[in-house]
Amino acid sequence: MKTFKLICIIAVLLDFVCDLMFSIKPNTGAQLLGMLIDLILIFLLLASFIAGIYFVRRDKFRAFIPAAICLVGLPANLFIASYLGVSIRDWQFRKNLPRYMEVVQLIEKGEIKASPSGPRIQLPNQYTDLSLVTFAKTNNGSWIIEFNIGGGFPVKHSGYLYVSTGKINSDPETLERWPYRSQITTNWFRVED
């Protein structure tokens, strides 16, 4: 039973790390690994519950400790890792906000231009860590700049949005593209689809 308990604890910790990594920087690899570990935890929960029933006479209620670890660990990881990951991501954004503003100023001055085929822009090398993909467009004299920082499976994107007027509601296309958004600071929004 001690080995089974240790396996459950290790699985819960691995799940926490994957959920945390995905919350900090969403990517398909961390998401799929987390889903695999979630399935393993569900299997361990069922197996430990069955083993608990089998060993309850010998070990009393201690036989259900591995099941309790899985039962509590699975939802706790989801909420705690997500909350902690979003907090770390917000801290990283605030730390990098001056660099994001430098990029915005370069775009507004025309020193960074959109590609001829569309609104996608290529950031200079010193700013490539800020975004996987960056888009910039104007709408009625207002700049709307998207910094996509990650994504998941099947089609989940997240990032930051700069709106020079601070009024995101003035652009229906942006509202449709980013249905989940929250304002971080003046002119800046955290966005997800």
Protein backbone atom coordinates (compact mmCIF):
# COMPACT_ATOMS: atom_id res chain seq x y z
CA MET A 1 0.00 0.00 0.00
CA LYS A 2 2.90 2.38 0.69
CA THR A 3 4.15 1.97 -2.88
CA PHE A 4 0.69 2.62 -4.25
CA LYS A 5 0.41 5.74 -2.08
CA LEU A 6 3.78 6.96 -3.39
CA ILE A 7 2.71 6.36 -7.00
CA CYS A 8 -0.45 8.41 -6.41
CA ILE A 9 1.53 11.27 -4.84
CA ILE A 10 4.01 11.30 -7.75
CA ALA A 11 1.17 11.32 -10.30
CA VAL A 12 -0.56 14.21 -8.49
CA LEU A 13 2.71 16.20 -8.39
CA LEU A 14 3.40 15.57 -12.10
CA ASP A 15 -0.13 16.68 -12.90
CA PHE A 16 0.39 19.86 -10.86
CA VAL A 17 3.61 20.66 -12.76
CA CYS A 18 1.95 20.11 -16.16
CA ASP A 19 -1.08 22.22 -15.22
CA LEU A 20 1.21 24.96 -13.91
CA MET A 21 3.37 24.94 -17.06
CA PHE A 22 0.28 25.13 -19.27
CA SER A 23 -1.16 28.01 -17.24
CA ILE A 24 2.08 29.99 -17.43
CA LYS A 25 2.71 29.46 -21.14
CA PRO A 26 -0.07 27.58 -22.95
CA ASN A 27 1.24 25.00 -25.39
CA THR A 28 -0.07 21.78 -26.84
CA GLY A 29 2.72 19.60 -25.40
CA ALA A 30 2.05 20.56 -21.78
CA GLN A 31 -1.69 20.30 -22.34
CA LEU A 32 -1.56 16.80 -23.87
CA LEU A 33 0.89 15.58 -21.22
CA GLY A 34 -1.41 16.96 -18.53
CA MET A 35 -4.39 15.20 -20.10
CA LEU A 36 -2.46 11.92 -20.17
CA ILE A 37 -1.53 12.29 -16.51
CA ASP A 38 -5.17 13.14 -15.71
CA LEU A 39 -6.23 9.85 -17.34
CA ILE A 40 -3.58 8.01 -15.32
CA LEU A 41 -4.86 9.68 -12.16
CA ILE A 42 -8.43 8.63 -12.95
CA PHE A 43 -7.21 5.06 -13.48
CA LEU A 44 -5.24 5.23 -10.21
CA LEU A 45 -8.33 6.58 -8.43
CA LEU A 46 -10.43 3.65 -9.61
CA ALA A 47 -7.70 1.10 -8.89
CA SER A 48 -7.00 2.54 -5.43
CA PHE A 49 -10.71 2.58 -4.58
CA ILE A 50 -11.01 -1.08 -5.56
CA ALA A 51 -7.83 -1.89 -3.60
CA GLY A 52 -9.25 0.06 -0.64
CA ILE A 53 -12.40 -2.05 -0.67
CA TYR A 54 -10.28 -5.19 -0.85
CA PHE A 55 -7.94 -4.19 2.02
CA VAL A 56 -10.40 -2.31 4.26
CA ARG A 57 -10.65 -5.17 6.77
CA ARG A 58 -6.90 -5.37 7.19
CA ASP A 59 -5.94 -1.68 7.00
CA LYS A 60 -9.20 -0.04 8.09
CA PHE A 61 -9.74 3.37 6.51
CA ARG A 62 -6.02 3.76 5.74
CA ALA A 63 -6.75 1.51 2.76
CA PHE A 64 -8.51 4.47 1.11
CA ILE A 65 -5.61 6.96 1.48
CA PRO A 66 -4.37 6.46 -2.13
CA ALA A 67 -7.93 7.00 -3.42
CA ALA A 68 -8.24 10.14 -1.30
CA ILE A 69 -4.92 11.46 -2.64
CA CYS A 70 -6.16 11.06 -6.23
CA LEU A 71 -9.67 12.32 -5.46
CA VAL A 72 -8.41 15.50 -3.76
CA GLY A 73 -5.32 15.99 -5.93
CA LEU A 74 -7.04 16.03 -9.29
CA PRO A 75 -9.41 19.00 -8.75
CA ALA A 76 -7.00 20.79 -6.39
CA ASN A 77 -4.33 20.75 -9.10
CA LEU A 78 -6.72 22.16 -11.64
CA PHE A 79 -7.66 25.17 -9.51
CA ILE A 80 -4.43 25.82 -7.62
CA ALA A 81 -2.08 25.34 -10.60
CA SER A 82 -4.32 27.43 -12.85
CA TYR A 83 -4.53 30.27 -10.33
CA LEU A 84 -0.81 30.18 -9.60
CA GLY A 85 0.09 29.93 -13.30
CA VAL A 86 -2.08 32.90 -14.26
CA SER A 87 -0.53 34.90 -11.40
CA ILE A 88 2.97 34.07 -12.68
CA ARG A 89 1.94 34.95 -16.24
CA ASP A 90 0.57 38.32 -15.04
CA TRP A 91 3.79 38.98 -13.12
CA GLN A 92 5.82 38.20 -16.27
CA PHE A 93 3.63 40.54 -18.31
CA ARG A 94 4.03 43.40 -15.84
CA LYS A 95 7.79 42.81 -15.74
CA ASN A 96 7.93 42.94 -19.55
CA LEU A 97 5.40 45.77 -19.98
CA PRO A 98 8.11 48.37 -20.76
CA ARG A 99 9.41 46.10 -23.56
CA TYR A 100 5.87 45.57 -24.88
CA MET A 101 5.43 49.35 -24.91
CA GLU A 102 8.69 49.71 -26.85
CA VAL A 103 7.27 47.37 -29.52
CA VAL A 104 3.99 49.31 -29.58
CA GLN A 105 5.87 52.59 -30.08
CA LEU A 106 7.96 51.08 -32.89
CA ILE A 107 4.80 49.88 -34.63
CA GLU A 108 3.01 53.22 -34.18
CA LYS A 109 6.04 55.10 -35.57
CA GLY A 110 6.17 52.74 -38.58
CA GLU A 111 9.60 51.33 -37.73
CA ILE A 112 8.04 47.84 -37.57
CA LYS A 113 5.72 47.20 -40.49
CA ALA A 114 3.11 44.54 -41.17
CA SER A 115 3.91 41.94 -43.82
CA PRO A 116 2.61 42.65 -47.35
CA SER A 117 0.28 39.62 -47.17
CA GLY A 118 -1.54 40.67 -44.00
CA PRO A 119 -1.43 42.18 -40.52
CA ARG A 120 1.24 39.78 -39.20
CA ILE A 121 4.45 41.49 -38.15
CA GLN A 122 7.93 40.18 -37.48
CA LEU A 123 9.38 41.46 -34.21
CA PRO A 124 13.06 42.43 -34.02
CA ASN A 125 15.30 39.74 -32.46
CA GLN A 126 15.48 41.45 -29.05
CA TYR A 127 11.67 41.20 -28.72
CA THR A 128 10.94 37.72 -30.11
CA ASP A 129 10.54 36.26 -26.60
CA LEU A 130 7.47 38.46 -26.03
CA SER A 131 5.21 36.78 -28.57
CA LEU A 132 4.96 33.71 -30.77
CA VAL A 133 2.93 35.63 -33.36
CA THR A 134 2.17 39.34 -33.47
CA PHE A 135 -0.53 41.12 -35.47
CA ALA A 136 -1.11 44.85 -35.86
CA LYS A 137 -3.88 46.80 -37.54
CA THR A 138 -5.60 50.14 -37.35
CA ASN A 139 -9.30 50.76 -36.93
CA ASN A 140 -10.57 54.34 -37.20
CA GLY A 141 -7.15 55.70 -36.27
CA SER A 142 -6.78 53.33 -33.31
CA TRP A 143 -3.99 50.76 -33.16
CA ILE A 144 -4.93 47.20 -32.23
CA ILE A 145 -1.90 45.01 -31.61
CA GLU A 146 -2.14 41.31 -30.69
CA PHE A 147 0.68 39.48 -28.95
CA ASN A 148 -0.13 35.75 -29.06
CA ILE A 149 1.87 33.98 -26.35
CA GLY A 150 0.56 30.44 -26.64
CA GLY A 151 -2.09 28.01 -27.60
CA GLY A 152 -3.58 24.66 -26.86
CA PHE A 153 -5.58 21.85 -28.33
CA PRO A 154 -7.79 21.92 -30.36
CA VAL A 155 -7.97 25.67 -31.04
CA LYS A 156 -7.16 27.68 -27.94
CA HIS A 157 -5.07 30.79 -28.17
CA SER A 158 -4.08 33.27 -25.51
CA GLY A 159 -2.14 36.46 -25.37
CA TYR A 160 -2.21 40.17 -24.80
CA LEU A 161 -4.01 42.85 -26.73
CA TYR A 162 -3.05 46.50 -26.94
CA VAL A 163 -5.78 48.95 -27.98
CA SER A 164 -4.50 52.52 -28.26
CA THR A 165 -7.88 54.03 -27.37
CA GLY A 166 -8.47 51.53 -24.57
CA LYS A 167 -11.93 50.83 -26.03
CA ILE A 168 -11.94 47.24 -27.20
CA ASN A 169 -15.68 47.38 -27.92
CA SER A 170 -15.11 49.69 -30.90
CA ASP A 171 -13.84 46.81 -33.08
CA PRO A 172 -16.38 44.00 -33.70
CA GLU A 173 -13.78 41.79 -35.42
CA THR A 174 -11.55 41.87 -32.34
CA LEU A 175 -14.51 41.15 -30.07
CA GLU A 176 -15.40 38.10 -32.15
CA ARG A 177 -11.80 36.90 -32.34
CA TRP A 178 -11.24 37.21 -28.57
CA PRO A 179 -14.47 36.29 -26.73
CA TYR A 180 -12.73 36.02 -23.34
CA ARG A 181 -10.88 39.12 -22.26
CA SER A 182 -10.04 41.06 -19.15
CA GLN A 183 -8.35 44.40 -18.77
CA ILE A 184 -4.92 44.26 -17.14
CA THR A 185 -3.97 47.91 -17.20
CA THR A 186 -4.70 50.99 -19.30
CA ASN A 187 -5.02 49.97 -22.99
CA TRP A 188 -3.94 46.36 -22.25
CA PHE A 189 -6.10 43.23 -22.13
CA ARG A 190 -5.47 39.55 -21.46
CA VAL A 191 -7.31 37.64 -24.19
CA GLU A 192 -8.28 34.03 -24.92
CA ASP A 193 -10.51 32.30 -27.41
